[in-house]
All heavy atoms as atom14 arrays in JSON, in Angstrom:
{
  "sequence": "ICAIGEVVDVMRILAERKDLELRCSLDSNVPDQIVADKDVIQGVLHR",
  "atom14_mask": [
    [1, 1, 1, 1, 1, 1, 1, 1, 0, 0, 0, 0, 0, 0],
    [1, 1, 1, 1, 1, 1, 0, 0, 0, 0, 0, 0, 0, 0],
    [1, 1, 1, 1, 1, 0, 0, 0, 0, 0, 0, 0, 0, 0],
    [1, 1, 1, 1, 1, 1, 1, 1, 0, 0, 0, 0, 0, 0],
    [1, 1, 1, 1, 0, 0, 0, 0, 0, 0, 0, 0, 0, 0],
    [1, 1, 1, 1, 1, 1, 1, 1, 1, 0, 0, 0, 0, 0],
    [1, 1, 1, 1, 1, 1, 1, 0, 0, 0, 0, 0, 0, 0],
    [1, 1, 1, 1, 1, 1, 1, 0, 0, 0, 0, 0, 0, 0],
    [1, 1, 1, 1, 1, 1, 1, 1, 0, 0, 0, 0, 0, 0],
    [1, 1, 1, 1, 1, 1, 1, 0, 0, 0, 0, 0, 0, 0],
    [1, 1, 1, 1, 1, 1, 1, 1, 0, 0, 0, 0, 0, 0],
    [1, 1, 1, 1, 1, 1, 1, 1, 1, 1, 1, 0, 0, 0],
    [1, 1, 1, 1, 1, 1, 1, 1, 0, 0, 0, 0, 0, 0],
    [1, 1, 1, 1, 1, 1, 1, 1, 0, 0, 0, 0, 0, 0],
    [1, 1, 1, 1, 1, 0, 0, 0, 0, 0, 0, 0, 0, 0],
    [1, 1, 1, 1, 1, 1, 1, 1, 1, 0, 0, 0, 0, 0],
    [1, 1, 1, 1, 1, 1, 1, 1, 1, 1, 1, 0, 0, 0],
    [1, 1, 1, 1, 1, 1, 1, 1, 1, 0, 0, 0, 0, 0],
    [1, 1, 1, 1, 1, 1, 1, 1, 0, 0, 0, 0, 0, 0],
    [1, 1, 1, 1, 1, 1, 1, 1, 0, 0, 0, 0, 0, 0],
    [1, 1, 1, 1, 1, 1, 1, 1, 1, 0, 0, 0, 0, 0],
    [1, 1, 1, 1, 1, 1, 1, 1, 0, 0, 0, 0, 0, 0],
    [1, 1, 1, 1, 1, 1, 1, 1, 1, 1, 1, 0, 0, 0],
    [1, 1, 1, 1, 1, 1, 0, 0, 0, 0, 0, 0, 0, 0],
    [1, 1, 1, 1, 1, 1, 0, 0, 0, 0, 0, 0, 0, 0],
    [1, 1, 1, 1, 1, 1, 1, 1, 0, 0, 0, 0, 0, 0],
    [1, 1, 1, 1, 1, 1, 1, 1, 0, 0, 0, 0, 0, 0],
    [1, 1, 1, 1, 1, 1, 0, 0, 0, 0, 0, 0, 0, 0],
    [1, 1, 1, 1, 1, 1, 1, 1, 0, 0, 0, 0, 0, 0],
    [1, 1, 1, 1, 1, 1, 1, 0, 0, 0, 0, 0, 0, 0],
    [1, 1, 1, 1, 1, 1, 1, 0, 0, 0, 0, 0, 0, 0],
    [1, 1, 1, 1, 1, 1, 1, 1, 0, 0, 0, 0, 0, 0],
    [1, 1, 1, 1, 1, 1, 1, 1, 1, 0, 0, 0, 0, 0],
    [1, 1, 1, 1, 1, 1, 1, 1, 0, 0, 0, 0, 0, 0],
    [1, 1, 1, 1, 1, 1, 1, 0, 0, 0, 0, 0, 0, 0],
    [1, 1, 1, 1, 1, 0, 0, 0, 0, 0, 0, 0, 0, 0],
    [1, 1, 1, 1, 1, 1, 1, 1, 0, 0, 0, 0, 0, 0],
    [1, 1, 1, 1, 1, 1, 1, 1, 1, 0, 0, 0, 0, 0],
    [1, 1, 1, 1, 1, 1, 1, 1, 0, 0, 0, 0, 0, 0],
    [1, 1, 1, 1, 1, 1, 1, 0, 0, 0, 0, 0, 0, 0],
    [1, 1, 1, 1, 1, 1, 1, 1, 0, 0, 0, 0, 0, 0],
    [1, 1, 1, 1, 1, 1, 1, 1, 1, 0, 0, 0, 0, 0],
    [1, 1, 1, 1, 0, 0, 0, 0, 0, 0, 0, 0, 0, 0],
    [1, 1, 1, 1, 1, 1, 1, 0, 0, 0, 0, 0, 0, 0],
    [1, 1, 1, 1, 1, 1, 1, 1, 0, 0, 0, 0, 0, 0],
    [1, 1, 1, 1, 1, 1, 1, 1, 1, 1, 0, 0, 0, 0],
    [1, 1, 1, 1, 1, 1, 1, 1, 1, 1, 1, 0, 0, 0]
  ],
  "atom14_positions": [
    [[-7.99, 2.68, -1.55], [-7.76, 1.91, -0.31], [-7.41, 0.47, -0.65], [-6.47, -0.11, -0.09], [-9.0, 1.98, 0.59], [-9.21, 3.42, 1.08], [-8.85, 1.03, 1.77], [-10.48, 3.6, 1.88], [0.0, 0.0, 0.0], [0.0, 0.0, 0.0], [0.0, 0.0, 0.0], [0.0, 0.0, 0.0], [0.0, 0.0, 0.0], [0.0, 0.0, 0.0]],
    [[-8.14, -0.13, -1.59], [-7.87, -1.51, -1.97], [-6.51, -1.63, -2.67], [-5.76, -2.58, -2.43], [-8.97, -2.04, -2.88], [-10.57, -2.28, -2.05], [0.0, 0.0, 0.0], [0.0, 0.0, 0.0], [0.0, 0.0, 0.0], [0.0, 0.0, 0.0], [0.0, 0.0, 0.0], [0.0, 0.0, 0.0], [0.0, 0.0, 0.0], [0.0, 0.0, 0.0]],
    [[-6.21, -0.67, -3.54], [-4.96, -0.72, -4.29], [-3.75, -0.65, -3.37], [-2.79, -1.42, -3.52], [-4.92, 0.42, -5.31], [0.0, 0.0, 0.0], [0.0, 0.0, 0.0], [0.0, 0.0, 0.0], [0.0, 0.0, 0.0], [0.0, 0.0, 0.0], [0.0, 0.0, 0.0], [0.0, 0.0, 0.0], [0.0, 0.0, 0.0], [0.0, 0.0, 0.0]],
    [[-3.78, 0.27, -2.42], [-2.67, 0.39, -1.47], [-2.64, -0.82, -0.54], [-1.56, -1.35, -0.22], [-2.79, 1.7, -0.67], [-2.57, 2.89, -1.62], [-1.79, 1.73, 0.48], [-2.7, 4.23, -0.96], [0.0, 0.0, 0.0], [0.0, 0.0, 0.0], [0.0, 0.0, 0.0], [0.0, 0.0, 0.0], [0.0, 0.0, 0.0], [0.0, 0.0, 0.0]],
    [[-3.8, -1.27, -0.13], [-3.86, -2.43, 0.75], [-3.27, -3.68, 0.11], [-2.61, -4.48, 0.78], [0.0, 0.0, 0.0], [0.0, 0.0, 0.0], [0.0, 0.0, 0.0], [0.0, 0.0, 0.0], [0.0, 0.0, 0.0], [0.0, 0.0, 0.0], [0.0, 0.0, 0.0], [0.0, 0.0, 0.0], [0.0, 0.0, 0.0], [0.0, 0.0, 0.0]],
    [[-3.48, -3.85, -1.21], [-2.93, -5.01, -1.89], [-1.41, -5.02, -1.82], [-0.79, -6.07, -1.57], [-3.38, -5.0, -3.37], [-4.85, -5.31, -3.57], [-5.29, -5.09, -5.01], [-4.42, -4.71, -5.83], [-6.48, -5.28, -5.3], [0.0, 0.0, 0.0], [0.0, 0.0, 0.0], [0.0, 0.0, 0.0], [0.0, 0.0, 0.0], [0.0, 0.0, 0.0]],
    [[-0.79, -3.86, -2.02], [0.67, -3.78, -1.97], [1.19, -3.97, -0.55], [2.12, -4.74, -0.31], [1.15, -2.43, -2.54], [2.67, -2.31, -2.44], [0.71, -2.27, -3.98], [0.0, 0.0, 0.0], [0.0, 0.0, 0.0], [0.0, 0.0, 0.0], [0.0, 0.0, 0.0], [0.0, 0.0, 0.0], [0.0, 0.0, 0.0], [0.0, 0.0, 0.0]],
    [[0.57, -3.27, 0.39], [1.04, -3.34, 1.78], [0.9, -4.75, 2.34], [1.79, -5.25, 3.05], [0.26, -2.33, 2.65], [0.59, -2.53, 4.13], [0.6, -0.9, 2.23], [0.0, 0.0, 0.0], [0.0, 0.0, 0.0], [0.0, 0.0, 0.0], [0.0, 0.0, 0.0], [0.0, 0.0, 0.0], [0.0, 0.0, 0.0], [0.0, 0.0, 0.0]],
    [[-0.19, -5.44, 2.01], [-0.38, -6.8, 2.52], [0.72, -7.74, 2.03], [1.22, -8.58, 2.78], [-1.75, -7.33, 2.09], [-2.89, -6.69, 2.84], [-2.63, -6.06, 3.88], [-4.05, -6.81, 2.39], [0.0, 0.0, 0.0], [0.0, 0.0, 0.0], [0.0, 0.0, 0.0], [0.0, 0.0, 0.0], [0.0, 0.0, 0.0], [0.0, 0.0, 0.0]],
    [[1.09, -7.6, 0.75], [2.15, -8.45, 0.21], [3.5, -8.11, 0.84], [4.25, -9.0, 1.26], [2.23, -8.29, -1.33], [3.47, -8.99, -1.87], [0.98, -8.86, -1.98], [0.0, 0.0, 0.0], [0.0, 0.0, 0.0], [0.0, 0.0, 0.0], [0.0, 0.0, 0.0], [0.0, 0.0, 0.0], [0.0, 0.0, 0.0], [0.0, 0.0, 0.0]],
    [[3.8, -6.81, 0.95], [5.09, -6.41, 1.49], [5.19, -6.67, 2.99], [6.29, -6.85, 3.52], [5.34, -4.92, 1.2], [5.3, -4.57, -0.28], [6.32, -5.66, -1.32], [7.94, -5.27, -0.73], [0.0, 0.0, 0.0], [0.0, 0.0, 0.0], [0.0, 0.0, 0.0], [0.0, 0.0, 0.0], [0.0, 0.0, 0.0], [0.0, 0.0, 0.0]],
    [[4.06, -6.71, 3.67], [4.08, -7.01, 5.11], [4.62, -8.42, 5.36], [5.3, -8.67, 6.36], [2.69, -6.84, 5.71], [2.67, -7.06, 7.23], [1.31, -6.75, 7.82], [1.07, -5.32, 7.93], [0.11, -4.67, 7.28], [-0.71, -5.33, 6.48], [-0.04, -3.37, 7.44], [0.0, 0.0, 0.0], [0.0, 0.0, 0.0], [0.0, 0.0, 0.0]],
    [[4.31, -9.33, 4.46], [4.84, -10.7, 4.59], [6.36, -10.68, 4.54], [7.04, -11.35, 5.33], [4.27, -11.6, 3.47], [2.74, -11.71, 3.62], [4.91, -12.98, 3.5], [2.08, -12.45, 2.47], [0.0, 0.0, 0.0], [0.0, 0.0, 0.0], [0.0, 0.0, 0.0], [0.0, 0.0, 0.0], [0.0, 0.0, 0.0], [0.0, 0.0, 0.0]],
    [[6.93, -9.91, 3.62], [8.39, -9.81, 3.52], [8.97, -9.13, 4.75], [10.04, -9.52, 5.24], [8.77, -9.04, 2.25], [8.3, -9.63, 0.92], [8.77, -8.77, -0.24], [8.81, -11.06, 0.76], [0.0, 0.0, 0.0], [0.0, 0.0, 0.0], [0.0, 0.0, 0.0], [0.0, 0.0, 0.0], [0.0, 0.0, 0.0], [0.0, 0.0, 0.0]],
    [[8.28, -8.11, 5.25], [8.78, -7.39, 6.42], [8.79, -8.3, 7.65], [9.75, -8.29, 8.45], [7.92, -6.15, 6.69], [0.0, 0.0, 0.0], [0.0, 0.0, 0.0], [0.0, 0.0, 0.0], [0.0, 0.0, 0.0], [0.0, 0.0, 0.0], [0.0, 0.0, 0.0], [0.0, 0.0, 0.0], [0.0, 0.0, 0.0], [0.0, 0.0, 0.0]],
    [[7.76, -9.1, 7.8], [7.67, -9.97, 8.97], [8.76, -11.03, 8.98], [9.16, -11.51, 10.04], [6.29, -10.63, 9.03], [5.18, -9.64, 9.39], [3.79, -10.26, 9.31], [3.68, -11.4, 8.78], [2.83, -9.62, 9.78], [0.0, 0.0, 0.0], [0.0, 0.0, 0.0], [0.0, 0.0, 0.0], [0.0, 0.0, 0.0], [0.0, 0.0, 0.0]],
    [[9.26, -11.41, 7.81], [10.36, -12.36, 7.75], [11.64, -11.8, 8.38], [12.52, -12.56, 8.8], [10.63, -12.76, 6.29], [9.52, -13.58, 5.66], [9.81, -13.87, 4.2], [8.71, -14.6, 3.58], [8.63, -14.87, 2.27], [9.62, -14.48, 1.47], [7.61, -15.54, 1.79], [0.0, 0.0, 0.0], [0.0, 0.0, 0.0], [0.0, 0.0, 0.0]],
    [[11.74, -10.47, 8.43], [12.89, -9.82, 9.07], [12.52, -9.23, 10.43], [13.28, -8.44, 10.98], [13.43, -8.71, 8.15], [13.95, -9.19, 6.82], [14.52, -8.05, 5.99], [15.75, -7.44, 6.64], [16.39, -6.42, 5.78], [0.0, 0.0, 0.0], [0.0, 0.0, 0.0], [0.0, 0.0, 0.0], [0.0, 0.0, 0.0], [0.0, 0.0, 0.0]],
    [[11.35, -9.62, 10.93], [10.86, -9.11, 12.21], [10.71, -7.59, 12.2], [10.95, -6.91, 13.2], [11.79, -9.53, 13.37], [11.76, -11.03, 13.6], [10.69, -11.62, 13.42], [12.82, -11.59, 13.94], [0.0, 0.0, 0.0], [0.0, 0.0, 0.0], [0.0, 0.0, 0.0], [0.0, 0.0, 0.0], [0.0, 0.0, 0.0], [0.0, 0.0, 0.0]],
    [[10.29, -7.06, 11.06], [10.03, -5.63, 10.92], [8.53, -5.37, 10.99], [7.73, -6.17, 10.51], [10.57, -5.1, 9.59], [12.07, -5.24, 9.34], [12.41, -4.81, 7.91], [12.88, -4.42, 10.34], [0.0, 0.0, 0.0], [0.0, 0.0, 0.0], [0.0, 0.0, 0.0], [0.0, 0.0, 0.0], [0.0, 0.0, 0.0], [0.0, 0.0, 0.0]],
    [[8.16, -4.25, 11.58], [6.76, -3.85, 11.62], [6.47, -2.92, 10.45], [7.18, -1.94, 10.22], [6.45, -3.12, 12.93], [4.98, -2.69, 13.04], [4.71, -1.86, 14.28], [5.69, -1.5, 14.98], [3.53, -1.54, 14.52], [0.0, 0.0, 0.0], [0.0, 0.0, 0.0], [0.0, 0.0, 0.0], [0.0, 0.0, 0.0], [0.0, 0.0, 0.0]],
    [[5.43, -3.24, 9.7], [5.01, -2.41, 8.56], [3.62, -1.86, 8.85], [2.66, -2.6, 8.98], [5.0, -3.23, 7.27], [4.49, -2.51, 6.01], [5.26, -1.22, 5.76], [4.58, -3.44, 4.8], [0.0, 0.0, 0.0], [0.0, 0.0, 0.0], [0.0, 0.0, 0.0], [0.0, 0.0, 0.0], [0.0, 0.0, 0.0], [0.0, 0.0, 0.0]],
    [[3.55, -0.52, 8.98], [2.28, 0.14, 9.3], [1.84, 0.99, 8.11], [2.65, 1.48, 7.34], [2.43, 1.04, 10.53], [2.96, 0.33, 11.77], [2.93, 1.27, 12.98], [3.67, 2.49, 12.74], [4.97, 2.63, 13.0], [5.66, 1.6, 13.49], [5.58, 3.77, 12.77], [0.0, 0.0, 0.0], [0.0, 0.0, 0.0], [0.0, 0.0, 0.0]],
    [[0.54, 1.18, 8.02], [-0.02, 2.03, 6.97], [-1.17, 2.84, 7.55], [-2.06, 2.28, 8.19], [-0.5, 1.19, 5.79], [-1.19, 2.16, 4.42], [0.0, 0.0, 0.0], [0.0, 0.0, 0.0], [0.0, 0.0, 0.0], [0.0, 0.0, 0.0], [0.0, 0.0, 0.0], [0.0, 0.0, 0.0], [0.0, 0.0, 0.0], [0.0, 0.0, 0.0]],
    [[-1.15, 4.13, 7.33], [-2.21, 5.01, 7.82], [-2.71, 5.89, 6.68], [-1.92, 6.4, 5.87], [-1.7, 5.89, 8.97], [-0.65, 6.73, 8.55], [0.0, 0.0, 0.0], [0.0, 0.0, 0.0], [0.0, 0.0, 0.0], [0.0, 0.0, 0.0], [0.0, 0.0, 0.0], [0.0, 0.0, 0.0], [0.0, 0.0, 0.0], [0.0, 0.0, 0.0]],
    [[-4.03, 6.06, 6.61], [-4.65, 6.91, 5.6], [-5.37, 8.05, 6.28], [-6.18, 7.83, 7.19], [-5.64, 6.11, 4.74], [-5.05, 5.2, 3.67], [-4.61, 3.88, 4.29], [-6.06, 4.95, 2.55], [0.0, 0.0, 0.0], [0.0, 0.0, 0.0], [0.0, 0.0, 0.0], [0.0, 0.0, 0.0], [0.0, 0.0, 0.0], [0.0, 0.0, 0.0]],
    [[-5.09, 9.25, 5.84], [-5.76, 10.42, 6.38], [-7.23, 10.4, 5.99], [-7.61, 9.88, 4.93], [-5.1, 11.69, 5.85], [-5.52, 12.92, 6.63], [-6.53, 13.52, 6.23], [-4.85, 13.27, 7.61], [0.0, 0.0, 0.0], [0.0, 0.0, 0.0], [0.0, 0.0, 0.0], [0.0, 0.0, 0.0], [0.0, 0.0, 0.0], [0.0, 0.0, 0.0]],
    [[-8.06, 10.97, 6.84], [-9.51, 10.94, 6.6], [-9.92, 11.72, 5.36], [-11.01, 11.51, 4.82], [-10.24, 11.5, 7.83], [-9.83, 12.84, 8.09], [0.0, 0.0, 0.0], [0.0, 0.0, 0.0], [0.0, 0.0, 0.0], [0.0, 0.0, 0.0], [0.0, 0.0, 0.0], [0.0, 0.0, 0.0], [0.0, 0.0, 0.0], [0.0, 0.0, 0.0]],
    [[-9.07, 12.64, 4.88], [-9.44, 13.43, 3.71], [-9.08, 12.75, 2.39], [-9.33, 13.29, 1.32], [-8.76, 14.8, 3.77], [-7.24, 14.7, 3.58], [-6.67, 13.63, 3.76], [-6.6, 15.8, 3.24], [0.0, 0.0, 0.0], [0.0, 0.0, 0.0], [0.0, 0.0, 0.0], [0.0, 0.0, 0.0], [0.0, 0.0, 0.0], [0.0, 0.0, 0.0]],
    [[-8.5, 11.55, 2.47], [-8.1, 10.85, 1.25], [-9.32, 10.17, 0.63], [-9.99, 9.37, 1.29], [-7.03, 9.8, 1.56], [-6.68, 9.01, 0.3], [-5.77, 10.46, 2.11], [0.0, 0.0, 0.0], [0.0, 0.0, 0.0], [0.0, 0.0, 0.0], [0.0, 0.0, 0.0], [0.0, 0.0, 0.0], [0.0, 0.0, 0.0], [0.0, 0.0, 0.0]],
    [[-9.65, 10.44, -0.63], [-10.81, 9.8, -1.27], [-10.5, 8.35, -1.59], [-9.35, 7.98, -1.81], [-11.01, 10.62, -2.55], [-9.64, 11.13, -2.87], [-8.97, 11.39, -1.54], [0.0, 0.0, 0.0], [0.0, 0.0, 0.0], [0.0, 0.0, 0.0], [0.0, 0.0, 0.0], [0.0, 0.0, 0.0], [0.0, 0.0, 0.0], [0.0, 0.0, 0.0]],
    [[-11.55, 7.53, -1.61], [-11.35, 6.12, -1.95], [-11.44, 5.91, -3.46], [-10.51, 5.43, -4.09], [-12.38, 5.25, -1.22], [-12.21, 3.77, -1.57], [-11.06, 3.38, -1.87], [-13.21, 3.03, -1.54], [0.0, 0.0, 0.0], [0.0, 0.0, 0.0], [0.0, 0.0, 0.0], [0.0, 0.0, 0.0], [0.0, 0.0, 0.0], [0.0, 0.0, 0.0]],
    [[-12.55, 6.28, -4.07], [-12.74, 6.1, -5.5], [-12.06, 7.24, -6.26], [-12.46, 8.39, -6.16], [-14.23, 6.05, -5.84], [-14.96, 4.86, -5.24], [-14.47, 3.54, -5.81], [-14.11, 3.45, -6.98], [-14.45, 2.51, -4.97], [0.0, 0.0, 0.0], [0.0, 0.0, 0.0], [0.0, 0.0, 0.0], [0.0, 0.0, 0.0], [0.0, 0.0, 0.0]],
    [[-11.0, 6.91, -7.01], [-10.25, 7.94, -7.73], [-10.01, 7.49, -9.17], [-10.21, 6.33, -9.52], [-8.88, 8.23, -7.06], [-7.98, 6.98, -7.16], [-9.07, 8.64, -5.6], [-6.55, 7.24, -6.74], [0.0, 0.0, 0.0], [0.0, 0.0, 0.0], [0.0, 0.0, 0.0], [0.0, 0.0, 0.0], [0.0, 0.0, 0.0], [0.0, 0.0, 0.0]],
    [[-9.58, 8.45, -9.99], [-9.14, 8.16, -11.35], [-7.66, 8.51, -11.44], [-7.27, 9.65, -11.19], [-9.93, 8.98, -12.39], [-9.36, 8.74, -13.79], [-11.41, 8.61, -12.36], [0.0, 0.0, 0.0], [0.0, 0.0, 0.0], [0.0, 0.0, 0.0], [0.0, 0.0, 0.0], [0.0, 0.0, 0.0], [0.0, 0.0, 0.0], [0.0, 0.0, 0.0]],
    [[-6.84, 7.52, -11.73], [-5.4, 7.71, -11.84], [-4.81, 6.48, -12.51], [-5.54, 5.58, -12.95], [-4.78, 7.93, -10.45], [0.0, 0.0, 0.0], [0.0, 0.0, 0.0], [0.0, 0.0, 0.0], [0.0, 0.0, 0.0], [0.0, 0.0, 0.0], [0.0, 0.0, 0.0], [0.0, 0.0, 0.0], [0.0, 0.0, 0.0], [0.0, 0.0, 0.0]],
    [[-3.49, 6.45, -12.64], [-2.81, 5.28, -13.19], [-2.5, 4.34, -12.03], [-1.53, 4.52, -11.29], [-1.52, 5.69, -13.91], [-0.96, 4.57, -14.76], [-1.03, 3.4, -14.31], [-0.44, 4.84, -15.85], [0.0, 0.0, 0.0], [0.0, 0.0, 0.0], [0.0, 0.0, 0.0], [0.0, 0.0, 0.0], [0.0, 0.0, 0.0], [0.0, 0.0, 0.0]],
    [[-3.33, 3.33, -11.87], [-3.19, 2.4, -10.75], [-1.85, 1.69, -10.78], [-1.2, 1.49, -9.74], [-4.33, 1.38, -10.77], [-4.29, 0.35, -9.65], [-5.44, -0.63, -9.77], [-5.39, -1.71, -8.71], [-6.51, -2.68, -8.83], [0.0, 0.0, 0.0], [0.0, 0.0, 0.0], [0.0, 0.0, 0.0], [0.0, 0.0, 0.0], [0.0, 0.0, 0.0]],
    [[-1.4, 1.28, -11.97], [-0.14, 0.55, -12.08], [1.03, 1.39, -11.6], [1.96, 0.86, -10.97], [0.1, 0.11, -13.53], [-0.87, -0.98, -13.97], [-1.45, -1.64, -13.08], [-1.07, -1.15, -15.18], [0.0, 0.0, 0.0], [0.0, 0.0, 0.0], [0.0, 0.0, 0.0], [0.0, 0.0, 0.0], [0.0, 0.0, 0.0], [0.0, 0.0, 0.0]],
    [[1.01, 2.69, -11.88], [2.09, 3.56, -11.44], [2.1, 3.65, -9.92], [3.15, 3.5, -9.27], [1.96, 4.96, -12.07], [2.91, 5.95, -11.38], [2.28, 4.9, -13.55], [0.0, 0.0, 0.0], [0.0, 0.0, 0.0], [0.0, 0.0, 0.0], [0.0, 0.0, 0.0], [0.0, 0.0, 0.0], [0.0, 0.0, 0.0], [0.0, 0.0, 0.0]],
    [[0.95, 3.9, -9.32], [0.87, 4.06, -7.87], [1.31, 2.78, -7.17], [2.14, 2.79, -6.26], [-0.55, 4.46, -7.44], [-0.88, 5.87, -7.97], [-0.69, 4.42, -5.92], [-2.3, 6.31, -7.71], [0.0, 0.0, 0.0], [0.0, 0.0, 0.0], [0.0, 0.0, 0.0], [0.0, 0.0, 0.0], [0.0, 0.0, 0.0], [0.0, 0.0, 0.0]],
    [[0.76, 1.64, -7.61], [1.13, 0.38, -6.97], [2.58, 0.0, -7.24], [3.3, -0.46, -6.34], [0.2, -0.74, -7.45], [-1.21, -0.67, -6.9], [-2.0, -1.93, -7.2], [-2.0, -2.42, -8.32], [-2.7, -2.44, -6.19], [0.0, 0.0, 0.0], [0.0, 0.0, 0.0], [0.0, 0.0, 0.0], [0.0, 0.0, 0.0], [0.0, 0.0, 0.0]],
    [[3.03, 0.21, -8.46], [4.39, -0.16, -8.81], [5.43, 0.64, -8.06], [6.42, 0.1, -7.56], [0.0, 0.0, 0.0], [0.0, 0.0, 0.0], [0.0, 0.0, 0.0], [0.0, 0.0, 0.0], [0.0, 0.0, 0.0], [0.0, 0.0, 0.0], [0.0, 0.0, 0.0], [0.0, 0.0, 0.0], [0.0, 0.0, 0.0], [0.0, 0.0, 0.0]],
    [[5.22, 1.94, -7.95], [6.16, 2.81, -7.24], [6.16, 2.48, -5.75], [7.22, 2.37, -5.12], [5.81, 4.28, -7.49], [6.56, 5.19, -6.51], [6.13, 4.68, -8.92], [0.0, 0.0, 0.0], [0.0, 0.0, 0.0], [0.0, 0.0, 0.0], [0.0, 0.0, 0.0], [0.0, 0.0, 0.0], [0.0, 0.0, 0.0], [0.0, 0.0, 0.0]],
    [[4.98, 2.31, -5.17], [4.91, 1.98, -3.75], [5.59, 0.64, -3.48], [6.33, 0.48, -2.49], [3.44, 1.92, -3.31], [3.19, 1.56, -1.84], [3.88, 2.55, -0.9], [1.7, 1.49, -1.54], [0.0, 0.0, 0.0], [0.0, 0.0, 0.0], [0.0, 0.0, 0.0], [0.0, 0.0, 0.0], [0.0, 0.0, 0.0], [0.0, 0.0, 0.0]],
    [[5.38, -0.33, -4.35], [6.01, -1.64, -4.19], [7.53, -1.51, -4.22], [8.24, -2.1, -3.39], [5.52, -2.58, -5.29], [6.02, -3.99, -5.18], [7.28, -4.36, -5.58], [5.42, -5.11, -4.69], [7.45, -5.66, -5.35], [6.34, -6.13, -4.81], [0.0, 0.0, 0.0], [0.0, 0.0, 0.0], [0.0, 0.0, 0.0], [0.0, 0.0, 0.0]],
    [[8.04, -0.74, -5.16], [9.49, -0.56, -5.28], [10.09, 0.07, -4.04], [11.13, -0.39, -3.52], [9.8, 0.33, -6.49], [9.52, -0.32, -7.81], [10.66, -1.22, -8.21], [10.39, -1.86, -9.49], [11.28, -2.57, -10.14], [12.48, -2.74, -9.62], [10.98, -3.15, -11.27], [0.0, 0.0, 0.0], [0.0, 0.0, 0.0], [0.0, 0.0, 0.0]]
  ]
}
């Protein structure tokens, strides 16, 4: 949740400069504490 939130918060600033709405929704079945490559998830989402 924190990892995705960090990316979305930064990109929301860019979206608002173009008057775009950026929304993010997480399904209730998504776990918060996970083991994965954080850099890959954040980097790909950012791109």
